[in-house]
Protein backbone atom coordinates (compact mmCIF):
# COMPACT_ATOMS: atom_id res chain seq x y z
CA MET A 1 10.82 0.16 15.65
CA LEU A 2 9.21 -2.95 17.11
CA LYS A 3 11.42 -5.99 17.52
CA ASP A 4 10.89 -9.67 18.26
CA ILE A 5 7.17 -9.55 17.61
CA ASP A 6 6.81 -13.25 16.75
CA PHE A 7 3.19 -13.86 17.77
CA TYR A 8 0.57 -11.11 17.98
CA LEU A 9 -2.74 -11.81 19.73
CA VAL A 10 -5.98 -10.13 18.67
CA THR A 11 -9.01 -10.56 20.94
CA TYR A 12 -12.22 -11.94 19.46
CA SER A 13 -14.89 -12.53 22.10
CA SER A 14 -17.25 -14.00 19.48
CA ILE A 15 -15.08 -17.08 18.98
CA SER A 16 -13.20 -17.24 22.27
CA LYS A 17 -13.85 -20.44 24.20
CA LYS A 18 -12.75 -19.21 27.62
CA GLY A 19 -13.14 -15.43 27.36
CA ILE A 20 -10.80 -12.70 26.19
CA PHE A 21 -9.24 -12.05 29.59
CA LEU A 22 -8.08 -15.63 29.97
CA ASP A 23 -6.94 -15.64 26.32
CA VAL A 24 -4.77 -12.58 26.96
CA LYS A 25 -3.34 -13.97 30.20
CA ASN A 26 -2.48 -17.29 28.59
CA ALA A 27 -0.94 -15.66 25.53
CA ILE A 28 1.26 -13.41 27.65
CA ASP A 29 2.30 -16.36 29.83
CA ALA A 30 3.30 -18.18 26.63
CA GLY A 31 5.55 -15.28 25.60
CA CYS A 32 3.30 -13.13 23.41
CA LYS A 33 4.68 -9.58 23.35
CA ILE A 34 1.87 -7.68 21.65
CA ILE A 35 -1.88 -7.70 22.38
CA GLN A 36 -4.57 -5.96 20.34
CA TYR A 37 -8.01 -5.36 21.83
CA ARG A 38 -10.53 -5.74 19.00
CA GLU A 39 -14.20 -5.79 19.90
CA LYS A 40 -16.49 -4.26 17.31
CA ASN A 41 -19.93 -5.00 18.74
CA LYS A 42 -19.73 -3.62 22.25
CA SER A 43 -20.66 -0.28 23.76
CA LYS A 44 -18.00 2.36 24.32
CA ASN A 45 -18.26 1.98 28.09
CA GLU A 46 -17.89 -1.79 27.89
CA LYS A 47 -14.88 -1.45 25.60
CA ILE A 48 -13.20 0.99 27.97
CA LYS A 49 -13.85 -1.28 30.95
CA GLU A 50 -12.43 -4.33 29.19
CA ALA A 51 -9.49 -2.45 27.70
CA LYS A 52 -8.48 -1.12 31.13
CA LYS A 53 -8.40 -4.65 32.49
CA ILE A 54 -6.36 -5.99 29.58
CA LYS A 55 -3.95 -3.09 29.86
CA GLU A 56 -3.21 -4.17 33.42
CA PHE A 57 -2.46 -7.72 32.24
CA CYS A 58 -0.03 -6.29 29.67
CA LYS A 59 1.77 -3.92 32.04
CA GLY A 60 5.50 -4.55 31.84
CA LYS A 61 4.97 -7.70 29.78
CA ALA A 62 3.42 -6.84 26.42
CA ILE A 63 2.56 -3.91 24.18
CA PHE A 64 -1.13 -3.08 24.35
CA LEU A 65 -2.93 -1.72 21.29
CA VAL A 66 -6.57 -0.94 20.56
CA ASN A 67 -8.09 -1.69 17.18
CA ASP A 68 -9.50 1.32 15.38
CA ASP A 69 -11.11 3.05 18.40
CA ILE A 70 -8.98 6.07 19.26
CA ASP A 71 -11.36 7.12 22.06
CA VAL A 72 -10.85 3.84 23.88
CA ALA A 73 -7.09 3.96 23.33
CA LEU A 74 -6.92 7.48 24.74
CA SER A 75 -9.23 6.72 27.67
CA VAL A 76 -7.20 3.76 28.94
CA GLY A 77 -3.74 5.02 28.02
CA ALA A 78 -3.02 2.24 25.52
CA ASP A 79 0.40 2.04 23.92
CA GLY A 80 -1.18 2.76 20.56
CA VAL A 81 -3.70 1.73 17.94
CA HIS A 82 -4.03 -0.48 14.92
CA LEU A 83 -5.78 1.11 11.96
CA GLY A 84 -7.32 -0.10 8.73
CA GLN A 85 -7.28 1.66 5.39
CA ASN A 86 -10.76 3.11 6.02
CA ASP A 87 -10.23 4.12 9.64
CA ILE A 88 -9.06 7.50 10.95
CA SER A 89 -5.83 8.79 9.45
CA VAL A 90 -2.40 7.99 10.86
CA ASN A 91 -1.66 11.70 11.23
CA TYR A 92 -4.85 12.29 13.20
CA ALA A 93 -4.09 9.34 15.49
CA LYS A 94 -0.63 10.79 16.18
CA LYS A 95 -2.14 14.20 16.86
CA ILE A 96 -4.57 12.79 19.43
CA LEU A 97 -2.40 10.10 21.02
CA GLY A 98 0.98 11.80 20.71
CA ASN A 99 4.06 11.01 18.65
CA ASN A 100 5.21 8.33 21.07
CA CYS A 101 2.19 6.14 20.44
CA ILE A 102 2.61 2.95 18.43
CA ILE A 103 0.60 2.83 15.22
CA GLY A 104 0.05 -0.19 13.03
CA LEU A 105 -1.69 -0.08 9.67
CA THR A 106 -3.28 -2.85 7.61
CA VAL A 107 -2.11 -2.95 3.99
CA HIS A 108 -2.99 -5.16 1.04
CA ASN A 109 -0.34 -4.35 -1.56
CA VAL A 110 3.05 -2.73 -2.15
CA GLU A 111 1.59 0.70 -2.87
CA GLU A 112 -0.26 0.83 0.46
CA ALA A 113 2.86 -0.44 2.24
CA LEU A 114 4.98 2.33 0.72
CA ASP A 115 2.39 4.90 1.74
CA ALA A 116 2.37 3.48 5.28
CA GLU A 117 6.14 3.85 5.51
CA LYS A 118 5.91 7.48 4.38
CA LEU A 119 3.28 8.12 7.05
CA GLY A 120 5.70 6.88 9.70
CA VAL A 121 3.76 3.92 11.09
CA ASP A 122 5.56 1.51 13.40
CA TYR A 123 4.54 -1.70 11.62
CA ILE A 124 2.22 -2.97 8.92
CA GLY A 125 -0.20 -5.86 8.93
CA ILE A 126 -0.65 -7.60 5.58
CA ALA A 127 -4.08 -9.16 5.18
CA PRO A 128 -5.51 -11.54 4.34
CA ILE A 129 -2.69 -13.91 3.44
CA TYR A 130 -4.95 -16.96 3.18
CA LYS A 131 -8.71 -17.41 3.12
CA THR A 132 -10.29 -16.67 6.49
CA ASP A 133 -13.84 -16.71 7.80
CA THR A 134 -12.99 -14.86 11.01
CA LYS A 135 -13.53 -11.43 9.51
CA GLU A 136 -16.48 -11.07 7.15
CA ASP A 137 -14.98 -8.26 5.06
CA SER A 138 -11.45 -9.66 4.99
CA GLY A 139 -11.24 -9.54 1.19
CA ILE A 140 -9.53 -11.77 -1.37
CA PRO A 141 -6.46 -13.66 -0.09
CA CYS A 142 -3.23 -12.14 -1.41
CA GLY A 143 -1.03 -15.18 -0.78
CA PRO A 144 2.32 -15.41 1.02
CA GLU A 145 4.21 -14.13 -2.02
CA ILE A 146 2.96 -10.60 -1.35
CA ILE A 147 4.94 -10.65 1.90
CA SER A 148 8.28 -11.01 0.12
CA GLU A 149 7.24 -8.42 -2.46
CA ILE A 150 6.46 -5.90 0.28
CA ARG A 151 9.51 -6.97 2.30
CA ASN A 152 11.71 -6.01 -0.68
CA ASN A 153 10.21 -2.53 -0.77
CA VAL A 154 9.81 -1.39 2.83
CA ASN A 155 11.82 -1.59 6.04
CA LEU A 156 8.87 -1.77 8.42
CA PRO A 157 8.13 -4.78 10.64
CA ILE A 158 5.57 -6.99 8.93
CA ILE A 159 2.74 -8.87 10.63
CA ALA A 160 0.97 -11.46 8.48
CA VAL A 161 -2.75 -11.90 9.08
CA GLY A 162 -5.48 -14.18 7.81
CA GLY A 163 -5.90 -17.96 7.74
CA ILE A 164 -2.53 -18.65 9.34
CA ASN A 165 -2.01 -21.96 11.12
CA LYS A 166 0.78 -24.37 12.04
CA ASP A 167 0.77 -25.90 8.56
CA ASN A 168 1.47 -22.65 6.68
CA ILE A 169 3.24 -20.46 9.23
CA SER A 170 6.73 -21.52 8.11
CA GLU A 171 5.97 -20.35 4.57
CA VAL A 172 4.76 -17.01 5.91
CA ILE A 173 7.91 -16.39 7.96
CA LYS A 174 10.21 -17.57 5.16
CA ASN A 175 8.61 -14.98 2.88
CA GLY A 176 9.66 -12.21 5.26
CA ALA A 177 7.00 -11.74 7.93
CA ASP A 178 8.35 -10.75 11.35
CA GLY A 179 5.32 -12.10 13.15
CA VAL A 180 1.80 -13.41 12.69
CA VAL A 181 -1.74 -13.03 13.90
CA ALA A 182 -3.60 -16.34 14.10
CA VAL A 183 -7.13 -16.06 15.42
CA SER A 184 -9.11 -19.25 14.79
CA ALA A 185 -6.05 -21.48 15.13
CA ILE A 186 -5.52 -20.12 18.64
CA LEU A 187 -8.93 -19.24 20.02
CA ASP A 188 -10.62 -22.44 18.78
CA SER A 189 -8.20 -24.32 20.99
CA ASN A 190 -8.87 -25.48 24.54
CA ASP A 191 -5.28 -24.59 25.45
CA VAL A 192 -4.43 -21.10 24.23
CA LYS A 193 -1.17 -21.00 26.16
CA LYS A 194 0.13 -24.17 24.49
CA GLU A 195 -0.96 -23.06 21.02
CA VAL A 196 0.69 -19.64 21.34
CA SER A 197 3.83 -21.29 22.70
CA ASP A 198 3.88 -23.70 19.75
CA PHE A 199 3.49 -20.83 17.27
CA ILE A 200 6.32 -18.87 18.88
CA SER A 201 8.59 -21.93 18.83
CA ILE A 202 7.94 -22.52 15.13
CA ILE A 203 8.54 -18.86 14.29
CA LYS A 204 11.82 -18.74 16.21
CA GLU A 205 12.99 -21.99 14.61
CA VAL A 206 12.28 -20.70 11.09
CA LYS A 207 13.99 -17.39 11.83
CA SER A 208 17.11 -19.03 13.30
């Protein structure tokens, strides 16, 4: 089971100010322990090339996951994948990547969270907590209360996703999230390292 997740970086080249490689480097330098490569609009070869480079940045410092694309994850030897409800099945991912791979699954309610636990995933991402424009098909915000509801029903690590910033992160952690993904709040900044460091400090303070 994953521990001390705190902040979880997801790459988004479309909104990155200084490029995904620098974003990843800065996040890791700030103490980020898990990186997800998520690039939906690039060719397979380009994804593999970028993922290989990011994997090297993560080596010995952070867990490296690939969003959705099992081919890319397998090609670069990623630590695992993050899947959505409409992506390939958890069981298929385990079959291809092996039982030691890390698998995260996005859920939206208690029922999906319970199913995820039965499937043996390593963590769940609850999304979207708040309104977000980063992902077009993010869906209706479920609010921070869903975190505590799910927390009371499953023992998996929980990552909260969607519209999270410094103003609402305390509420998210207090409701039971182990860590957060914040995309716009981090990548819109001119100082990714400082922003990630600030997020981690707030999370640790709330948890203590």
